[in-house]
Amino acid sequence: MKAFSFMPPKNNPLQIEIIIEESLKFNQIVTRKIIKKISGISIPVVSVEDLIKTKKKASRPQDLIDLEALINLKGL
C-alpha cells in the first residue's frame, strides 16, 4: 500500500494519512465517508469499516496494531 503520512507536532494527536492505491475502490468508499469538523473545517474521513478493511490489506506492523485497536473499538 502506498500512503503519505502527515505528522503534527509532538503534543498534537492528529495524524493524517493520504492513501494512494487504485484497488481501494474510491467511488465505493466515498459513499460511506463520515464528515468530521476540526477547527471549523469539514473533513471527509473514511468509515471505520473501510479503515478496518484497508488495515487488513496493508498488514504492515503498525497497521496490525491499528487493526487490533479498531476491532476493540467496534467491539468485534
N, C-alpha and C. Protein backbone atom coordinates (compact mmCIF):
# COMPACT_ATOMS: atom_id res chain seq x y z
N MET A 1 0.84 -1.17 0.00
CA MET A 1 0.00 0.00 0.00
C MET A 1 0.89 1.23 0.00
N LYS A 2 0.50 2.22 -0.76
CA LYS A 2 1.22 3.49 -0.78
C LYS A 2 0.40 4.52 -0.02
N ALA A 3 1.05 5.19 0.91
CA ALA A 3 0.36 6.20 1.70
C ALA A 3 1.34 7.30 2.08
N PHE A 4 0.81 8.50 2.21
CA PHE A 4 1.57 9.62 2.71
C PHE A 4 1.04 9.94 4.09
N SER A 5 1.92 10.03 5.08
CA SER A 5 1.53 10.35 6.44
C SER A 5 2.00 11.75 6.79
N PHE A 6 1.10 12.51 7.37
CA PHE A 6 1.42 13.86 7.82
C PHE A 6 1.35 13.88 9.33
N MET A 7 2.50 14.08 9.94
CA MET A 7 2.60 14.02 11.39
C MET A 7 2.63 15.44 11.96
N PRO A 8 1.79 15.70 12.96
CA PRO A 8 1.76 17.02 13.59
C PRO A 8 2.88 17.17 14.62
N PRO A 9 2.96 18.34 15.25
CA PRO A 9 3.93 18.50 16.34
C PRO A 9 3.66 17.45 17.42
N LYS A 10 4.64 17.19 18.23
CA LYS A 10 4.62 16.10 19.20
C LYS A 10 3.40 16.09 20.12
N ASN A 11 2.92 17.23 20.56
CA ASN A 11 1.81 17.30 21.53
C ASN A 11 0.43 17.26 20.88
N ASN A 12 0.35 17.02 19.58
CA ASN A 12 -0.93 17.01 18.87
C ASN A 12 -1.19 15.58 18.38
N PRO A 13 -2.32 14.97 18.80
CA PRO A 13 -2.58 13.57 18.41
C PRO A 13 -3.08 13.39 16.98
N LEU A 14 -3.39 14.48 16.29
CA LEU A 14 -3.93 14.38 14.94
C LEU A 14 -2.87 13.91 13.94
N GLN A 15 -3.20 12.88 13.20
CA GLN A 15 -2.32 12.39 12.13
C GLN A 15 -3.18 12.18 10.91
N ILE A 16 -2.71 12.63 9.77
CA ILE A 16 -3.46 12.47 8.54
C ILE A 16 -2.68 11.57 7.60
N GLU A 17 -3.37 10.56 7.06
CA GLU A 17 -2.78 9.69 6.06
C GLU A 17 -3.58 9.79 4.78
N ILE A 18 -2.88 9.99 3.71
CA ILE A 18 -3.50 10.00 2.39
C ILE A 18 -3.06 8.73 1.70
N ILE A 19 -4.03 7.87 1.42
CA ILE A 19 -3.74 6.56 0.84
C ILE A 19 -3.94 6.64 -0.67
N ILE A 20 -2.95 6.13 -1.38
CA ILE A 20 -2.99 6.16 -2.83
C ILE A 20 -2.86 4.73 -3.33
N GLU A 21 -3.98 4.18 -3.75
CA GLU A 21 -3.96 2.83 -4.31
C GLU A 21 -5.25 2.63 -5.09
N GLU A 22 -5.11 2.26 -6.31
CA GLU A 22 -6.27 2.12 -7.20
C GLU A 22 -7.27 1.08 -6.70
N SER A 23 -6.80 0.02 -6.09
CA SER A 23 -7.68 -1.07 -5.70
C SER A 23 -8.58 -0.73 -4.51
N LEU A 24 -8.45 0.44 -3.93
CA LEU A 24 -9.28 0.79 -2.79
C LEU A 24 -10.71 1.15 -3.19
N LYS A 25 -10.99 1.24 -4.49
CA LYS A 25 -12.34 1.50 -4.99
C LYS A 25 -12.92 2.76 -4.38
N PHE A 26 -12.28 3.87 -4.69
CA PHE A 26 -12.63 5.18 -4.13
C PHE A 26 -14.11 5.49 -4.28
N ASN A 27 -14.69 5.20 -5.43
CA ASN A 27 -16.09 5.53 -5.66
C ASN A 27 -17.03 4.85 -4.68
N GLN A 28 -16.66 3.66 -4.19
CA GLN A 28 -17.47 2.97 -3.19
C GLN A 28 -17.19 3.52 -1.79
N ILE A 29 -15.92 3.74 -1.50
CA ILE A 29 -15.53 4.21 -0.17
C ILE A 29 -16.09 5.60 0.11
N VAL A 30 -16.08 6.47 -0.89
CA VAL A 30 -16.52 7.85 -0.69
C VAL A 30 -18.01 7.92 -0.32
N THR A 31 -18.80 6.95 -0.74
CA THR A 31 -20.22 6.96 -0.39
C THR A 31 -20.45 6.65 1.09
N ARG A 32 -19.46 6.05 1.74
CA ARG A 32 -19.58 5.68 3.16
C ARG A 32 -18.77 6.60 4.08
N LYS A 33 -18.25 7.68 3.53
CA LYS A 33 -17.40 8.58 4.33
C LYS A 33 -18.19 9.22 5.47
N ILE A 34 -17.47 9.70 6.44
CA ILE A 34 -18.01 10.43 7.57
C ILE A 34 -17.40 11.83 7.51
N ILE A 35 -18.19 12.85 7.77
CA ILE A 35 -17.66 14.22 7.79
C ILE A 35 -17.40 14.62 9.23
N LYS A 36 -16.17 15.01 9.52
CA LYS A 36 -15.77 15.48 10.85
C LYS A 36 -15.38 16.95 10.74
N LYS A 37 -15.77 17.73 11.74
CA LYS A 37 -15.37 19.14 11.77
C LYS A 37 -14.21 19.29 12.74
N ILE A 38 -13.12 19.83 12.23
CA ILE A 38 -11.94 20.08 13.05
C ILE A 38 -11.58 21.55 12.86
N SER A 39 -11.60 22.29 13.94
CA SER A 39 -11.33 23.74 13.91
C SER A 39 -12.19 24.44 12.87
N GLY A 40 -13.47 24.02 12.78
CA GLY A 40 -14.40 24.67 11.87
C GLY A 40 -14.29 24.24 10.42
N ILE A 41 -13.43 23.28 10.13
CA ILE A 41 -13.24 22.81 8.75
C ILE A 41 -13.83 21.40 8.63
N SER A 42 -14.70 21.20 7.63
CA SER A 42 -15.29 19.88 7.38
C SER A 42 -14.29 19.02 6.62
N ILE A 43 -14.00 17.85 7.18
CA ILE A 43 -13.01 16.95 6.59
C ILE A 43 -13.66 15.58 6.38
N PRO A 44 -13.65 15.07 5.13
CA PRO A 44 -14.18 13.72 4.91
C PRO A 44 -13.20 12.68 5.46
N VAL A 45 -13.76 11.71 6.18
CA VAL A 45 -12.95 10.67 6.82
C VAL A 45 -13.52 9.31 6.43
N VAL A 46 -12.64 8.37 6.17
CA VAL A 46 -13.05 7.02 5.80
C VAL A 46 -13.83 6.38 6.96
N SER A 47 -14.83 5.57 6.64
CA SER A 47 -15.61 4.90 7.68
C SER A 47 -14.72 3.90 8.42
N VAL A 48 -15.12 3.57 9.65
CA VAL A 48 -14.35 2.61 10.44
C VAL A 48 -14.29 1.25 9.73
N GLU A 49 -15.41 0.84 9.13
CA GLU A 49 -15.44 -0.45 8.44
C GLU A 49 -14.45 -0.48 7.27
N ASP A 50 -14.41 0.62 6.49
CA ASP A 50 -13.47 0.68 5.37
C ASP A 50 -12.03 0.78 5.86
N LEU A 51 -11.83 1.47 6.98
CA LEU A 51 -10.49 1.57 7.54
C LEU A 51 -10.00 0.20 8.01
N ILE A 52 -10.89 -0.59 8.60
CA ILE A 52 -10.53 -1.94 9.02
C ILE A 52 -10.11 -2.78 7.81
N LYS A 53 -10.87 -2.70 6.73
CA LYS A 53 -10.52 -3.44 5.51
C LYS A 53 -9.16 -3.01 4.98
N THR A 54 -8.91 -1.70 5.00
CA THR A 54 -7.65 -1.16 4.50
C THR A 54 -6.47 -1.63 5.35
N LYS A 55 -6.64 -1.60 6.67
CA LYS A 55 -5.58 -2.03 7.57
C LYS A 55 -5.28 -3.52 7.41
N LYS A 56 -6.32 -4.33 7.21
CA LYS A 56 -6.12 -5.77 6.97
C LYS A 56 -5.31 -5.99 5.70
N LYS A 57 -5.66 -5.25 4.66
CA LYS A 57 -4.99 -5.42 3.38
C LYS A 57 -3.52 -4.99 3.45
N ALA A 58 -3.24 -3.90 4.14
CA ALA A 58 -1.87 -3.38 4.22
C ALA A 58 -0.97 -4.32 5.02
N SER A 59 -1.43 -4.76 6.18
CA SER A 59 -0.72 -5.72 7.03
C SER A 59 0.69 -5.31 7.43
N ARG A 60 0.97 -4.00 7.43
CA ARG A 60 2.27 -3.55 7.95
C ARG A 60 2.21 -3.64 9.47
N PRO A 61 3.34 -3.68 10.17
CA PRO A 61 3.30 -3.82 11.63
C PRO A 61 2.40 -2.79 12.31
N GLN A 62 2.49 -1.52 11.95
CA GLN A 62 1.65 -0.51 12.58
C GLN A 62 0.18 -0.70 12.20
N ASP A 63 -0.08 -1.14 10.98
CA ASP A 63 -1.46 -1.39 10.57
C ASP A 63 -2.09 -2.50 11.40
N LEU A 64 -1.32 -3.53 11.73
CA LEU A 64 -1.85 -4.62 12.55
C LEU A 64 -2.16 -4.15 13.97
N ILE A 65 -1.35 -3.25 14.50
CA ILE A 65 -1.62 -2.65 15.82
C ILE A 65 -2.88 -1.81 15.73
N ASP A 66 -2.98 -0.99 14.68
CA ASP A 66 -4.17 -0.16 14.47
C ASP A 66 -5.41 -1.02 14.30
N LEU A 67 -5.27 -2.11 13.56
CA LEU A 67 -6.39 -3.02 13.30
C LEU A 67 -6.94 -3.58 14.61
N GLU A 68 -6.05 -4.01 15.48
CA GLU A 68 -6.49 -4.54 16.77
C GLU A 68 -7.24 -3.48 17.57
N ALA A 69 -6.75 -2.25 17.57
CA ALA A 69 -7.42 -1.16 18.28
C ALA A 69 -8.79 -0.85 17.67
N LEU A 70 -8.87 -0.86 16.34
CA LEU A 70 -10.15 -0.60 15.67
C LEU A 70 -11.16 -1.70 15.97
N ILE A 71 -10.72 -2.94 15.96
CA ILE A 71 -11.62 -4.05 16.27
C ILE A 71 -12.11 -3.95 17.71
N ASN A 72 -11.22 -3.60 18.64
CA ASN A 72 -11.62 -3.41 20.03
C ASN A 72 -12.60 -2.25 20.17
N LEU A 73 -12.37 -1.20 19.41
CA LEU A 73 -13.25 -0.02 19.44
C LEU A 73 -14.65 -0.39 18.97
N LYS A 74 -14.73 -1.20 17.93
CA LYS A 74 -16.02 -1.62 17.40
C LYS A 74 -16.66 -2.74 18.21
N GLY A 75 -15.89 -3.34 19.14
CA GLY A 75 -16.41 -4.44 19.94
C GLY A 75 -16.61 -5.72 19.15
N LEU A 76 -15.73 -5.93 18.15
CA LEU A 76 -15.85 -7.12 17.29
C LEU A 76 -15.04 -8.27 17.85
